Amino acid sequence: MKLRLMLWLLGLMLKRALRSKPDFRQALSEVRRLDWGIATEDLSIARHFRMSPEGIQTGAGLPVDLDLELRFDDEASAVRVLRKPTQQAFLDGMMAGKVRLVGDSSDLQKLQNLLKQL
């Protein structure tokens, strides 16, 4: 339940940042479009985000056309990494087998740069 709430709040924070933070809008316009999602490996908890300078859409589940997916071994490891989403936390999670990246790692860099603006 904690992870579901965190992902829902992340969607609200992204939408608010698009409306009120010029630095975030600028960074998103440089990226142009980024479709990404977060889920547990068993897909019991999954949420996707479609971000563009025109707006941010969020929804439950993981569509097949996403640029980037972050898959976590379980809810506890997802909460642990997402509380402090640093590059080191993701690398440690990947090395421990708790985090799996599906997609291009350059998209992960773009995402981390955008999330810094929050």
C-alpha atoms as a PDB file:
ATOM      1  CA  MET A   1       0.000   0.000   0.000  1.00  0.00           C
ATOM      2  CA  LYS A   2       2.882   2.351   0.773  1.00  0.00           C
ATOM      3  CA  LEU A   3       4.344   1.991  -2.726  1.00  0.00           C
ATOM      4  CA  ARG A   4       0.986   2.633  -4.401  1.00  0.00           C
ATOM      5  CA  LEU A   5       0.612   5.849  -2.434  1.00  0.00           C
ATOM      6  CA  MET A   6       4.171   6.935  -3.211  1.00  0.00           C
ATOM      7  CA  LEU A   7       3.650   6.439  -6.944  1.00  0.00           C
ATOM      8  CA  TRP A   8       0.317   8.263  -6.905  1.00  0.00           C
ATOM      9  CA  LEU A   9       1.904  11.185  -5.029  1.00  0.00           C
ATOM     10  CA  LEU A  10       4.793  11.197  -7.490  1.00  0.00           C
ATOM     11  CA  GLY A  11       2.292  11.772 -10.282  1.00  0.00           C
ATOM     12  CA  LEU A  12       0.817  14.730  -8.403  1.00  0.00           C
ATOM     13  CA  MET A  13       4.265  16.174  -7.745  1.00  0.00           C
ATOM     14  CA  LEU A  14       5.218  15.869 -11.422  1.00  0.00           C
ATOM     15  CA  LYS A  15       2.037  17.639 -12.535  1.00  0.00           C
ATOM     16  CA  ARG A  16       2.533  20.400  -9.971  1.00  0.00           C
ATOM     17  CA  ALA A  17       6.165  20.866 -11.023  1.00  0.00           C
ATOM     18  CA  LEU A  18       5.112  21.222 -14.655  1.00  0.00           C
ATOM     19  CA  ARG A  19       2.665  23.982 -13.694  1.00  0.00           C
ATOM     20  CA  SER A  20       4.795  25.896 -11.231  1.00  0.00           C
ATOM     21  CA  LYS A  21       8.523  25.270 -11.782  1.00  0.00           C
ATOM     22  CA  PRO A  22      10.150  26.879 -14.820  1.00  0.00           C
ATOM     23  CA  ASP A  23      13.340  24.798 -14.409  1.00  0.00           C
ATOM     24  CA  PHE A  24      11.334  21.580 -14.593  1.00  0.00           C
ATOM     25  CA  ARG A  25       9.434  22.804 -17.675  1.00  0.00           C
ATOM     26  CA  GLN A  26      12.730  23.738 -19.335  1.00  0.00           C
ATOM     27  CA  ALA A  27      14.304  20.354 -18.563  1.00  0.00           C
ATOM     28  CA  LEU A  28      11.214  18.537 -19.846  1.00  0.00           C
ATOM     29  CA  SER A  29      11.165  20.569 -23.057  1.00  0.00           C
ATOM     30  CA  GLU A  30      14.792  19.541 -23.674  1.00  0.00           C
ATOM     31  CA  VAL A  31      13.861  15.878 -23.217  1.00  0.00           C
ATOM     32  CA  ARG A  32      10.688  16.422 -25.328  1.00  0.00           C
ATOM     33  CA  ARG A  33       8.937  13.217 -24.288  1.00  0.00           C
ATOM     34  CA  LEU A  34       9.592  10.457 -21.786  1.00  0.00           C
ATOM     35  CA  ASP A  35       7.243   7.535 -21.138  1.00  0.00           C
ATOM     36  CA  TRP A  36       8.293   5.457 -18.156  1.00  0.00           C
ATOM     37  CA  GLY A  37       6.944   3.221 -15.445  1.00  0.00           C
ATOM     38  CA  ILE A  38       7.656   1.698 -12.066  1.00  0.00           C
ATOM     39  CA  ALA A  39       6.524  -1.780 -11.034  1.00  0.00           C
ATOM     40  CA  THR A  40       7.257  -4.774  -8.888  1.00  0.00           C
ATOM     41  CA  GLU A  41       8.491  -7.855 -10.762  1.00  0.00           C
ATOM     42  CA  ASP A  42       5.178  -9.657 -10.314  1.00  0.00           C
ATOM     43  CA  LEU A  43       3.328  -6.539 -11.594  1.00  0.00           C
ATOM     44  CA  SER A  44       1.081  -6.497  -8.527  1.00  0.00           C
ATOM     45  CA  ILE A  45       1.920  -2.795  -8.212  1.00  0.00           C
ATOM     46  CA  ALA A  46       2.582  -0.850 -11.402  1.00  0.00           C
ATOM     47  CA  ARG A  47       2.181   2.754 -12.530  1.00  0.00           C
ATOM     48  CA  HIS A  48       3.253   4.554 -15.693  1.00  0.00           C
ATOM     49  CA  PHE A  49       3.953   8.189 -16.462  1.00  0.00           C
ATOM     50  CA  ARG A  50       3.784   9.872 -19.869  1.00  0.00           C
ATOM     51  CA  MET A  51       5.626  13.167 -19.724  1.00  0.00           C
ATOM     52  CA  SER A  52       5.828  15.850 -22.391  1.00  0.00           C
ATOM     53  CA  PRO A  53       5.989  19.660 -22.309  1.00  0.00           C
ATOM     54  CA  GLU A  54       2.241  19.720 -23.075  1.00  0.00           C
ATOM     55  CA  GLY A  55       1.317  17.716 -19.976  1.00  0.00           C
ATOM     56  CA  ILE A  56       1.837  14.709 -17.766  1.00  0.00           C
ATOM     57  CA  GLN A  57      -0.458  11.715 -17.789  1.00  0.00           C
ATOM     58  CA  THR A  58      -0.295   8.932 -15.266  1.00  0.00           C
ATOM     59  CA  GLY A  59      -2.127   5.660 -14.905  1.00  0.00           C
ATOM     60  CA  ALA A  60      -2.097   2.226 -13.383  1.00  0.00           C
ATOM     61  CA  GLY A  61      -0.313  -0.648 -15.100  1.00  0.00           C
ATOM     62  CA  LEU A  62       2.589  -0.842 -17.534  1.00  0.00           C
ATOM     63  CA  PRO A  63       1.786  -0.438 -21.241  1.00  0.00           C
ATOM     64  CA  VAL A  64       4.148  -2.188 -23.644  1.00  0.00           C
ATOM     65  CA  ASP A  65       5.264   1.001 -25.422  1.00  0.00           C
ATOM     66  CA  LEU A  66       7.187   2.615 -22.537  1.00  0.00           C
ATOM     67  CA  ASP A  67      10.710   3.976 -23.054  1.00  0.00           C
ATOM     68  CA  LEU A  68      11.864   2.946 -19.592  1.00  0.00           C
ATOM     69  CA  GLU A  69      10.682   0.587 -16.866  1.00  0.00           C
ATOM     70  CA  LEU A  70      12.042   0.282 -13.366  1.00  0.00           C
ATOM     71  CA  ARG A  71      11.215  -3.154 -11.980  1.00  0.00           C
ATOM     72  CA  PHE A  72      11.735  -3.830  -8.298  1.00  0.00           C
ATOM     73  CA  ASP A  73      12.041  -7.231  -6.683  1.00  0.00           C
ATOM     74  CA  ASP A  74       9.408  -6.408  -4.076  1.00  0.00           C
ATOM     75  CA  GLU A  75       7.539  -3.496  -2.549  1.00  0.00           C
ATOM     76  CA  ALA A  76       9.998  -3.020   0.318  1.00  0.00           C
ATOM     77  CA  SER A  77      13.017  -2.660  -1.964  1.00  0.00           C
ATOM     78  CA  ALA A  78      11.091  -0.224  -4.175  1.00  0.00           C
ATOM     79  CA  VAL A  79      10.198   1.979  -1.216  1.00  0.00           C
ATOM     80  CA  ARG A  80      13.787   1.869   0.041  1.00  0.00           C
ATOM     81  CA  VAL A  81      15.269   2.982  -3.304  1.00  0.00           C
ATOM     82  CA  LEU A  82      12.566   5.510  -4.175  1.00  0.00           C
ATOM     83  CA  ARG A  83      12.854   7.338  -0.860  1.00  0.00           C
ATOM     84  CA  LYS A  84      16.347   8.458  -1.899  1.00  0.00           C
ATOM     85  CA  PRO A  85      16.477   8.030  -5.692  1.00  0.00           C
ATOM     86  CA  THR A  86      20.180   8.683  -6.161  1.00  0.00           C
ATOM     87  CA  GLN A  87      22.261   7.119  -8.876  1.00  0.00           C
ATOM     88  CA  GLN A  88      24.174   5.168  -6.232  1.00  0.00           C
ATOM     89  CA  ALA A  89      20.944   3.745  -4.774  1.00  0.00           C
ATOM     90  CA  PHE A  90      19.901   2.469  -8.219  1.00  0.00           C
ATOM     91  CA  LEU A  91      23.338   0.983  -8.876  1.00  0.00           C
ATOM     92  CA  ASP A  92      23.399  -0.739  -5.485  1.00  0.00           C
ATOM     93  CA  GLY A  93      19.908  -2.116  -6.126  1.00  0.00           C
ATOM     94  CA  MET A  94      20.912  -3.410  -9.558  1.00  0.00           C
ATOM     95  CA  MET A  95      24.037  -5.066  -8.179  1.00  0.00           C
ATOM     96  CA  ALA A  96      22.008  -6.740  -5.434  1.00  0.00           C
ATOM     97  CA  GLY A  97      19.406  -7.930  -7.939  1.00  0.00           C
ATOM     98  CA  LYS A  98      16.633  -5.855  -6.336  1.00  0.00           C
ATOM     99  CA  VAL A  99      16.231  -3.429  -9.267  1.00  0.00           C
ATOM    100  CA  ARG A 100      16.002  -4.229 -12.955  1.00  0.00           C
ATOM    101  CA  LEU A 101      16.115  -1.618 -15.691  1.00  0.00           C
ATOM    102  CA  VAL A 102      14.102  -2.340 -18.828  1.00  0.00           C
ATOM    103  CA  GLY A 103      15.012   0.112 -21.556  1.00  0.00           C
ATOM    104  CA  ASP A 104      17.873   2.449 -22.344  1.00  0.00           C
ATOM    105  CA  SER A 105      20.099   3.618 -19.490  1.00  0.00           C
ATOM    106  CA  SER A 106      20.314   7.079 -21.099  1.00  0.00           C
ATOM    107  CA  ASP A 107      16.574   7.406 -20.439  1.00  0.00           C
ATOM    108  CA  LEU A 108      17.311   6.712 -16.771  1.00  0.00           C
ATOM    109  CA  GLN A 109      19.769   9.622 -16.796  1.00  0.00           C
ATOM    110  CA  LYS A 110      17.118  11.870 -18.336  1.00  0.00           C
ATOM    111  CA  LEU A 111      14.619  10.777 -15.709  1.00  0.00           C
ATOM    112  CA  GLN A 112      17.029  11.402 -12.853  1.00  0.00           C
ATOM    113  CA  ASN A 113      17.775  14.887 -14.189  1.00  0.00           C
ATOM    114  CA  LEU A 114      14.061  15.640 -14.330  1.00  0.00           C
ATOM    115  CA  LEU A 115      13.432  14.313 -10.830  1.00  0.00           C
ATOM    116  CA  LYS A 116      16.176  16.545  -9.456  1.00  0.00           C
ATOM    117  CA  GLN A 117      14.013  19.515 -10.465  1.00  0.00           C
ATOM    118  CA  LEU A 118      11.157  18.403  -8.191  1.00  0.00           C
END
